[in-house]
Amino acid sequence: MSLTASKINTFTFLKLPSAWWCGVRLKHIDSKKAVTTVKHRWVNQNPFKSIFWAVQGMAAELSTGAMVMNEIQKSGRKISMLVQNNNANFSKKATGRITFTCEDGHLIADAIQNTIETGEGQTIWMKSVGVNKDGVVVSTFNFEWTIRIKG
């Protein structure tokens, strides 16, 4: 059974309340792509009247991590996941609604299968690009996810 956007948004409310209160929401998820959004509001702004970089990071990370969670659940195995590294580039002020899209879902299933078969941890670099309502890139995040079998 696959995770849905609604289930992940409930998860953020219960387990990641700072992301929930800042307005981070998953809008779409499948095995190839995930899309999150966050809207500029008083509660998530920086002193320059744009979305604080860490809030953008939460939205970007969710677009990558939701797909990892989904594939782990589909595997039926107990597998841990953790961000080991990340980097980001900010190219424009993030105002209005920002949409983060990750299209690296194709990388996850093989990594999960490899960690199941070998018992060794695997790493996956996944990219999430944030764009404003005009389609202009405001930030790009890269996350290095590590996965490994528990126990």
N, C-alpha and C. Protein backbone atom coordinates (compact mmCIF):
# COMPACT_ATOMS: atom_id res chain seq x y z
N MET A 1 0.84 -1.18 0.00
CA MET A 1 0.00 0.00 0.00
C MET A 1 0.89 1.25 0.00
N SER A 2 0.59 2.17 -0.87
CA SER A 2 1.37 3.39 -0.99
C SER A 2 0.88 4.45 0.00
N LEU A 3 1.79 5.31 0.37
CA LEU A 3 1.41 6.46 1.19
C LEU A 3 0.72 7.49 0.30
N THR A 4 -0.17 8.26 0.88
CA THR A 4 -0.85 9.32 0.15
C THR A 4 -0.41 10.67 0.71
N ALA A 5 -0.70 11.72 -0.03
CA ALA A 5 -0.38 13.07 0.45
C ALA A 5 -1.10 13.34 1.77
N SER A 6 -2.34 12.92 1.87
CA SER A 6 -3.11 13.14 3.09
C SER A 6 -2.46 12.44 4.30
N LYS A 7 -2.03 11.20 4.12
CA LYS A 7 -1.39 10.46 5.21
C LYS A 7 -0.08 11.13 5.64
N ILE A 8 0.69 11.60 4.68
CA ILE A 8 1.96 12.26 5.02
C ILE A 8 1.71 13.60 5.69
N ASN A 9 0.69 14.34 5.24
CA ASN A 9 0.38 15.61 5.89
C ASN A 9 -0.08 15.39 7.33
N THR A 10 -0.81 14.31 7.59
CA THR A 10 -1.19 13.97 8.97
C THR A 10 0.07 13.63 9.77
N PHE A 11 0.99 12.90 9.16
CA PHE A 11 2.26 12.56 9.80
C PHE A 11 3.01 13.84 10.18
N THR A 12 3.06 14.83 9.29
CA THR A 12 3.78 16.06 9.62
C THR A 12 3.11 16.78 10.79
N PHE A 13 1.78 16.76 10.83
CA PHE A 13 1.08 17.38 11.95
C PHE A 13 1.47 16.73 13.28
N LEU A 14 1.55 15.39 13.28
CA LEU A 14 1.83 14.65 14.51
C LEU A 14 3.31 14.57 14.86
N LYS A 15 4.19 14.42 13.86
CA LYS A 15 5.60 14.14 14.11
C LYS A 15 6.56 15.26 13.71
N LEU A 16 6.11 16.17 12.86
CA LEU A 16 6.94 17.30 12.42
C LEU A 16 6.14 18.59 12.54
N PRO A 17 5.71 18.93 13.76
CA PRO A 17 4.80 20.07 13.91
C PRO A 17 5.37 21.40 13.41
N SER A 18 6.68 21.59 13.48
CA SER A 18 7.22 22.86 12.98
C SER A 18 6.99 23.00 11.48
N ALA A 19 7.11 21.92 10.74
CA ALA A 19 6.83 21.97 9.30
C ALA A 19 5.35 22.25 9.07
N TRP A 20 4.49 21.59 9.84
CA TRP A 20 3.04 21.79 9.69
C TRP A 20 2.67 23.25 9.95
N TRP A 21 3.12 23.81 11.08
CA TRP A 21 2.73 25.17 11.44
C TRP A 21 3.33 26.21 10.50
N CYS A 22 4.45 25.87 9.86
CA CYS A 22 5.03 26.80 8.88
C CYS A 22 4.33 26.71 7.53
N GLY A 23 3.42 25.74 7.37
CA GLY A 23 2.64 25.66 6.14
C GLY A 23 3.14 24.69 5.09
N VAL A 24 4.11 23.84 5.44
CA VAL A 24 4.64 22.86 4.49
C VAL A 24 3.59 21.77 4.27
N ARG A 25 3.23 21.52 3.00
CA ARG A 25 2.24 20.51 2.67
C ARG A 25 2.69 19.69 1.46
N LEU A 26 2.48 18.38 1.55
CA LEU A 26 2.71 17.51 0.41
C LEU A 26 1.47 17.56 -0.47
N LYS A 27 1.65 17.83 -1.76
CA LYS A 27 0.53 17.94 -2.70
C LYS A 27 0.40 16.72 -3.60
N HIS A 28 1.51 16.06 -3.91
CA HIS A 28 1.48 14.91 -4.83
C HIS A 28 2.63 13.97 -4.48
N ILE A 29 2.35 12.67 -4.57
CA ILE A 29 3.41 11.68 -4.41
C ILE A 29 3.08 10.46 -5.25
N ASP A 30 4.08 9.96 -5.96
CA ASP A 30 4.02 8.65 -6.60
C ASP A 30 5.44 8.08 -6.55
N SER A 31 5.69 7.01 -7.24
CA SER A 31 7.01 6.37 -7.13
C SER A 31 8.11 7.14 -7.84
N LYS A 32 7.77 8.10 -8.68
CA LYS A 32 8.77 8.85 -9.44
C LYS A 32 8.95 10.29 -8.97
N LYS A 33 7.87 10.89 -8.44
CA LYS A 33 7.89 12.33 -8.17
C LYS A 33 7.08 12.67 -6.93
N ALA A 34 7.54 13.71 -6.22
CA ALA A 34 6.77 14.27 -5.10
C ALA A 34 6.82 15.79 -5.20
N VAL A 35 5.70 16.41 -4.81
CA VAL A 35 5.58 17.87 -4.88
C VAL A 35 5.08 18.38 -3.53
N THR A 36 5.78 19.38 -3.00
CA THR A 36 5.37 20.04 -1.77
C THR A 36 5.21 21.53 -2.05
N THR A 37 4.46 22.20 -1.17
CA THR A 37 4.33 23.65 -1.28
C THR A 37 4.47 24.28 0.10
N VAL A 38 4.83 25.55 0.08
CA VAL A 38 4.82 26.37 1.29
C VAL A 38 4.55 27.80 0.84
N LYS A 39 3.71 28.49 1.57
CA LYS A 39 3.34 29.86 1.23
C LYS A 39 3.98 30.82 2.22
N HIS A 40 4.49 31.93 1.69
CA HIS A 40 5.09 32.96 2.54
C HIS A 40 4.02 33.52 3.47
N ARG A 41 4.32 33.46 4.76
CA ARG A 41 3.43 33.98 5.80
C ARG A 41 4.29 34.61 6.89
N TRP A 42 3.67 35.32 7.77
CA TRP A 42 4.40 35.96 8.86
C TRP A 42 5.18 34.95 9.69
N VAL A 43 4.59 33.79 9.96
CA VAL A 43 5.19 32.81 10.85
C VAL A 43 6.44 32.14 10.24
N ASN A 44 6.60 32.18 8.92
CA ASN A 44 7.76 31.51 8.30
C ASN A 44 8.70 32.46 7.56
N GLN A 45 8.57 33.75 7.85
CA GLN A 45 9.41 34.72 7.12
C GLN A 45 10.71 35.02 7.84
N ASN A 46 11.63 35.54 7.07
CA ASN A 46 12.90 36.05 7.62
C ASN A 46 12.79 37.58 7.69
N PRO A 47 13.82 38.27 8.19
CA PRO A 47 13.74 39.73 8.30
C PRO A 47 13.65 40.46 6.95
N PHE A 48 13.89 39.72 5.85
CA PHE A 48 13.87 40.32 4.51
C PHE A 48 12.54 40.10 3.80
N LYS A 49 11.53 39.67 4.57
CA LYS A 49 10.17 39.48 4.06
C LYS A 49 10.08 38.44 2.94
N SER A 50 10.82 37.36 3.13
CA SER A 50 10.70 36.19 2.26
C SER A 50 10.74 34.95 3.15
N ILE A 51 10.51 33.79 2.55
CA ILE A 51 10.47 32.56 3.34
C ILE A 51 11.86 32.22 3.85
N PHE A 52 11.95 32.00 5.16
CA PHE A 52 13.20 31.64 5.83
C PHE A 52 13.79 30.41 5.16
N TRP A 53 15.11 30.39 5.00
CA TRP A 53 15.77 29.30 4.28
C TRP A 53 15.47 27.93 4.89
N ALA A 54 15.35 27.84 6.21
CA ALA A 54 15.11 26.56 6.86
C ALA A 54 13.70 26.03 6.55
N VAL A 55 12.75 26.93 6.38
CA VAL A 55 11.39 26.51 6.01
C VAL A 55 11.41 25.98 4.58
N GLN A 56 12.13 26.64 3.69
CA GLN A 56 12.29 26.11 2.34
C GLN A 56 12.94 24.73 2.39
N GLY A 57 13.91 24.57 3.29
CA GLY A 57 14.57 23.28 3.44
C GLY A 57 13.63 22.19 3.91
N MET A 58 12.71 22.54 4.82
CA MET A 58 11.73 21.55 5.28
C MET A 58 10.85 21.09 4.13
N ALA A 59 10.40 22.03 3.31
CA ALA A 59 9.54 21.67 2.17
C ALA A 59 10.32 20.83 1.15
N ALA A 60 11.55 21.23 0.89
CA ALA A 60 12.38 20.49 -0.07
C ALA A 60 12.69 19.09 0.45
N GLU A 61 13.05 18.99 1.73
CA GLU A 61 13.37 17.67 2.30
C GLU A 61 12.15 16.75 2.26
N LEU A 62 10.96 17.28 2.55
CA LEU A 62 9.76 16.45 2.52
C LEU A 62 9.51 15.90 1.13
N SER A 63 9.80 16.69 0.10
CA SER A 63 9.57 16.20 -1.27
C SER A 63 10.49 15.02 -1.60
N THR A 64 11.64 14.93 -0.98
CA THR A 64 12.53 13.78 -1.20
C THR A 64 12.22 12.66 -0.21
N GLY A 65 12.10 13.01 1.05
CA GLY A 65 11.92 12.01 2.10
C GLY A 65 10.60 11.27 2.02
N ALA A 66 9.55 11.91 1.54
CA ALA A 66 8.25 11.23 1.43
C ALA A 66 8.35 10.05 0.48
N MET A 67 9.10 10.21 -0.60
CA MET A 67 9.26 9.10 -1.54
C MET A 67 10.09 7.97 -0.93
N VAL A 68 11.11 8.32 -0.15
CA VAL A 68 11.91 7.30 0.53
C VAL A 68 11.01 6.54 1.51
N MET A 69 10.22 7.26 2.31
CA MET A 69 9.29 6.61 3.24
C MET A 69 8.33 5.68 2.50
N ASN A 70 7.82 6.13 1.38
CA ASN A 70 6.87 5.36 0.59
C ASN A 70 7.49 4.04 0.11
N GLU A 71 8.70 4.10 -0.42
CA GLU A 71 9.36 2.90 -0.92
C GLU A 71 9.74 1.95 0.21
N ILE A 72 10.13 2.51 1.36
CA ILE A 72 10.42 1.65 2.52
C ILE A 72 9.17 0.91 2.94
N GLN A 73 8.05 1.62 3.02
CA GLN A 73 6.80 0.98 3.40
C GLN A 73 6.42 -0.12 2.41
N LYS A 74 6.58 0.14 1.12
CA LYS A 74 6.25 -0.86 0.10
C LYS A 74 7.14 -2.09 0.20
N SER A 75 8.39 -1.93 0.69
CA SER A 75 9.30 -3.06 0.81
C SER A 75 8.87 -4.04 1.90
N GLY A 76 8.13 -3.55 2.88
CA GLY A 76 7.70 -4.40 3.99
C GLY A 76 8.81 -4.73 4.98
N ARG A 77 9.94 -4.08 4.84
CA ARG A 77 11.10 -4.34 5.72
C ARG A 77 11.30 -3.16 6.66
N LYS A 78 12.01 -3.42 7.76
CA LYS A 78 12.36 -2.35 8.69
C LYS A 78 13.68 -1.75 8.21
N ILE A 79 13.59 -0.55 7.70
CA ILE A 79 14.75 0.14 7.11
C ILE A 79 14.80 1.54 7.69
N SER A 80 15.99 1.93 8.14
CA SER A 80 16.15 3.29 8.67
C SER A 80 16.55 4.23 7.54
N MET A 81 16.20 5.49 7.72
CA MET A 81 16.55 6.53 6.74
C MET A 81 17.01 7.78 7.49
N LEU A 82 18.02 8.43 6.95
CA LEU A 82 18.57 9.61 7.60
C LEU A 82 19.27 10.48 6.56
N VAL A 83 19.11 11.78 6.69
CA VAL A 83 19.88 12.70 5.84
C VAL A 83 21.29 12.78 6.38
N GLN A 84 22.26 12.46 5.53
CA GLN A 84 23.67 12.51 5.94
C GLN A 84 24.31 13.84 5.55
N ASN A 85 23.94 14.37 4.40
CA ASN A 85 24.48 15.64 3.92
C ASN A 85 23.40 16.37 3.15
N ASN A 86 23.56 17.67 3.04
CA ASN A 86 22.72 18.44 2.13
C ASN A 86 23.44 19.72 1.75
N ASN A 87 22.99 20.29 0.64
CA ASN A 87 23.48 21.59 0.23
C ASN A 87 22.34 22.30 -0.49
N ALA A 88 22.45 23.60 -0.59
CA ALA A 88 21.38 24.38 -1.20
C ALA A 88 21.93 25.60 -1.91
N ASN A 89 21.15 26.06 -2.87
CA ASN A 89 21.46 27.28 -3.60
C ASN A 89 20.19 28.13 -3.61
N PHE A 90 20.34 29.42 -3.31
CA PHE A 90 19.21 30.34 -3.28
C PHE A 90 19.42 31.37 -4.38
N SER A 91 18.48 31.43 -5.34
CA SER A 91 18.69 32.28 -6.50
C SER A 91 17.71 33.45 -6.61
N LYS A 92 16.66 33.45 -5.79
CA LYS A 92 15.68 34.55 -5.82
C LYS A 92 14.92 34.55 -4.50
N LYS A 93 14.40 35.72 -4.10
CA LYS A 93 13.59 35.79 -2.89
C LYS A 93 12.39 34.87 -3.01
N ALA A 94 12.12 34.14 -1.95
CA ALA A 94 10.99 33.21 -1.93
C ALA A 94 9.78 33.91 -1.32
N THR A 95 8.91 34.42 -2.17
CA THR A 95 7.67 35.06 -1.72
C THR A 95 6.50 34.40 -2.42
N GLY A 96 5.31 34.55 -1.86
CA GLY A 96 4.15 33.89 -2.43
C GLY A 96 4.20 32.40 -2.13
N ARG A 97 3.58 31.58 -2.98
CA ARG A 97 3.60 30.13 -2.80
C ARG A 97 4.78 29.55 -3.59
N ILE A 98 5.60 28.77 -2.89
CA ILE A 98 6.74 28.11 -3.52
C ILE A 98 6.42 26.62 -3.62
N THR A 99 6.67 26.06 -4.79
CA THR A 99 6.42 24.64 -5.05
C THR A 99 7.75 23.94 -5.25
N PHE A 100 7.98 22.91 -4.43
CA PHE A 100 9.20 22.10 -4.52
C PHE A 100 8.87 20.77 -5.18
N THR A 101 9.66 20.41 -6.18
CA THR A 101 9.45 19.17 -6.90
C THR A 101 10.72 18.35 -6.90
N CYS A 102 10.59 17.07 -6.55
CA CYS A 102 11.68 16.11 -6.66
C CYS A 102 11.24 15.03 -7.63
N GLU A 103 12.07 14.75 -8.63
CA GLU A 103 11.76 13.73 -9.63
C GLU A 103 12.79 12.61 -9.62
N ASP A 104 13.36 12.33 -8.46
CA ASP A 104 14.41 11.32 -8.33
C ASP A 104 13.92 10.01 -7.71
N GLY A 105 12.62 9.78 -7.75
CA GLY A 105 12.07 8.56 -7.16
C GLY A 105 12.64 7.28 -7.74
N HIS A 106 13.07 7.33 -9.00
CA HIS A 106 13.62 6.15 -9.66
C HIS A 106 14.89 5.62 -8.99
N LEU A 107 15.54 6.42 -8.16
CA LEU A 107 16.78 6.01 -7.51
C LEU A 107 16.56 5.15 -6.26
N ILE A 108 15.36 5.22 -5.70
CA ILE A 108 15.14 4.67 -4.36
C ILE A 108 14.99 3.15 -4.34
N ALA A 109 14.18 2.59 -5.23
CA ALA A 109 13.89 1.16 -5.19
C ALA A 109 15.16 0.32 -5.30
N ASP A 110 16.06 0.68 -6.20
CA ASP A 110 17.32 -0.07 -6.34
C ASP A 110 18.15 0.00 -5.07
N ALA A 111 18.22 1.17 -4.46
CA ALA A 111 19.00 1.32 -3.22
C ALA A 111 18.40 0.48 -2.10
N ILE A 112 17.09 0.46 -2.01
CA ILE A 112 16.44 -0.36 -0.98
C ILE A 112 16.70 -1.84 -1.24
N GLN A 113 16.58 -2.26 -2.49
CA GLN A 113 16.85 -3.66 -2.82
C GLN A 113 18.30 -4.02 -2.49
N ASN A 114 19.25 -3.13 -2.78
CA ASN A 114 20.66 -3.38 -2.48
C ASN A 114 20.91 -3.50 -0.98
N THR A 115 20.28 -2.65 -0.18
CA THR A 115 20.50 -2.74 1.26
C THR A 115 19.86 -4.00 1.83
N ILE A 116 18.75 -4.44 1.26
CA ILE A 116 18.12 -5.70 1.70
C ILE A 116 19.01 -6.89 1.34
N GLU A 117 19.53 -6.90 0.12
CA GLU A 117 20.34 -8.02 -0.34
C GLU A 117 21.70 -8.11 0.33
N THR A 118 22.34 -6.96 0.54
CA THR A 118 23.72 -6.97 1.06
C THR A 118 23.80 -6.72 2.56
N GLY A 119 22.77 -6.11 3.13
CA GLY A 119 22.83 -5.72 4.53
C GLY A 119 23.67 -4.48 4.77
N GLU A 120 24.20 -3.91 3.71
CA GLU A 120 25.03 -2.70 3.81
C GLU A 120 24.20 -1.46 3.55
N GLY A 121 24.58 -0.38 4.21
CA GLY A 121 23.90 0.89 3.99
C GLY A 121 24.11 1.40 2.58
N GLN A 122 23.15 2.15 2.10
CA GLN A 122 23.20 2.74 0.77
C GLN A 122 22.97 4.24 0.88
N THR A 123 23.49 4.98 -0.07
CA THR A 123 23.24 6.43 -0.09
C THR A 123 22.63 6.81 -1.43
N ILE A 124 21.79 7.83 -1.38
CA ILE A 124 21.12 8.35 -2.57
C ILE A 124 21.13 9.87 -2.48
N TRP A 125 21.62 10.54 -3.51
CA TRP A 125 21.51 11.99 -3.60
C TRP A 125 20.23 12.31 -4.36
N MET A 126 19.39 13.14 -3.76
CA MET A 126 18.12 13.53 -4.39
C MET A 126 18.02 15.05 -4.42
N LYS A 127 17.49 15.58 -5.54
CA LYS A 127 17.39 17.03 -5.73
C LYS A 127 15.94 17.47 -5.69
N SER A 128 15.69 18.62 -5.05
CA SER A 128 14.37 19.24 -5.04
C SER A 128 14.53 20.70 -5.46
N VAL A 129 13.73 21.10 -6.43
CA VAL A 129 13.81 22.45 -6.98
C VAL A 129 12.55 23.22 -6.59
N GLY A 130 12.74 24.40 -6.01
CA GLY A 130 11.63 25.25 -5.61
C GLY A 130 11.42 26.38 -6.60
N VAL A 131 10.16 26.53 -7.05
CA VAL A 131 9.83 27.58 -8.01
C VAL A 131 8.67 28.42 -7.47
N ASN A 132 8.62 29.67 -7.89
CA ASN A 132 7.51 30.55 -7.50
C ASN A 132 6.36 30.39 -8.49
N LYS A 133 5.30 31.19 -8.33
CA LYS A 133 4.09 31.06 -9.17
C LYS A 133 4.38 31.32 -10.65
N ASP A 134 5.46 32.05 -10.93
CA ASP A 134 5.83 32.34 -12.32
C ASP A 134 6.76 31.28 -12.91
N GLY A 135 7.07 30.24 -12.12
CA GLY A 135 7.96 29.18 -12.60
C GLY A 135 9.44 29.51 -12.48
N VAL A 136 9.76 30.60 -11.78
CA VAL A 136 11.15 31.01 -11.60
C VAL A 136 11.74 30.24 -10.42
N VAL A 137 12.93 29.66 -10.63
CA VAL A 137 13.59 28.90 -9.57
C VAL A 137 14.04 29.85 -8.47
N VAL A 138 13.63 29.57 -7.23
CA VAL A 138 14.05 30.39 -6.09
C VAL A 138 15.12 29.67 -5.26
N SER A 139 15.07 28.33 -5.23
CA SER A 139 16.10 27.58 -4.49
C SER A 139 16.15 26.15 -4.99
N THR A 140 17.33 25.56 -4.84
CA THR A 140 17.57 24.17 -5.20
C THR A 140 18.26 23.50 -4.04
N PHE A 141 17.71 22.40 -3.58
CA PHE A 141 18.28 21.65 -2.46
C PHE A 141 18.68 20.26 -2.92
N ASN A 142 19.80 19.76 -2.40
CA ASN A 142 20.24 18.39 -2.62
C ASN A 142 20.39 17.72 -1.27
N PHE A 143 19.83 16.51 -1.15
CA PHE A 143 19.89 15.75 0.10
C PHE A 143 20.52 14.40 -0.16
N GLU A 144 21.48 14.04 0.68
CA GLU A 144 22.08 12.70 0.63
C GLU A 144 21.39 11.85 1.68
N TRP A 145 20.50 10.98 1.23
CA TRP A 145 19.78 10.08 2.12
C TRP A 145 20.59 8.80 2.30
N THR A 146 20.68 8.32 3.54
CA THR A 146 21.28 7.02 3.81
C THR A 146 20.17 6.09 4.28
N ILE A 147 20.20 4.87 3.77
CA ILE A 147 19.23 3.87 4.18
C ILE A 147 19.98 2.60 4.57
N ARG A 148 19.45 1.88 5.54
CA ARG A 148 20.03 0.59 5.90
C ARG A 148 19.00 -0.24 6.66
N ILE A 149 19.20 -1.54 6.56
CA ILE A 149 18.32 -2.48 7.27
C ILE A 149 18.52 -2.30 8.76
N LYS A 150 17.41 -2.29 9.51
CA LYS A 150 17.50 -2.21 10.97
C LYS A 150 17.77 -3.60 11.53
N GLY A 151 18.53 -3.60 12.64
CA GLY A 151 18.74 -4.85 13.38
C GLY A 151 19.79 -5.69 12.86
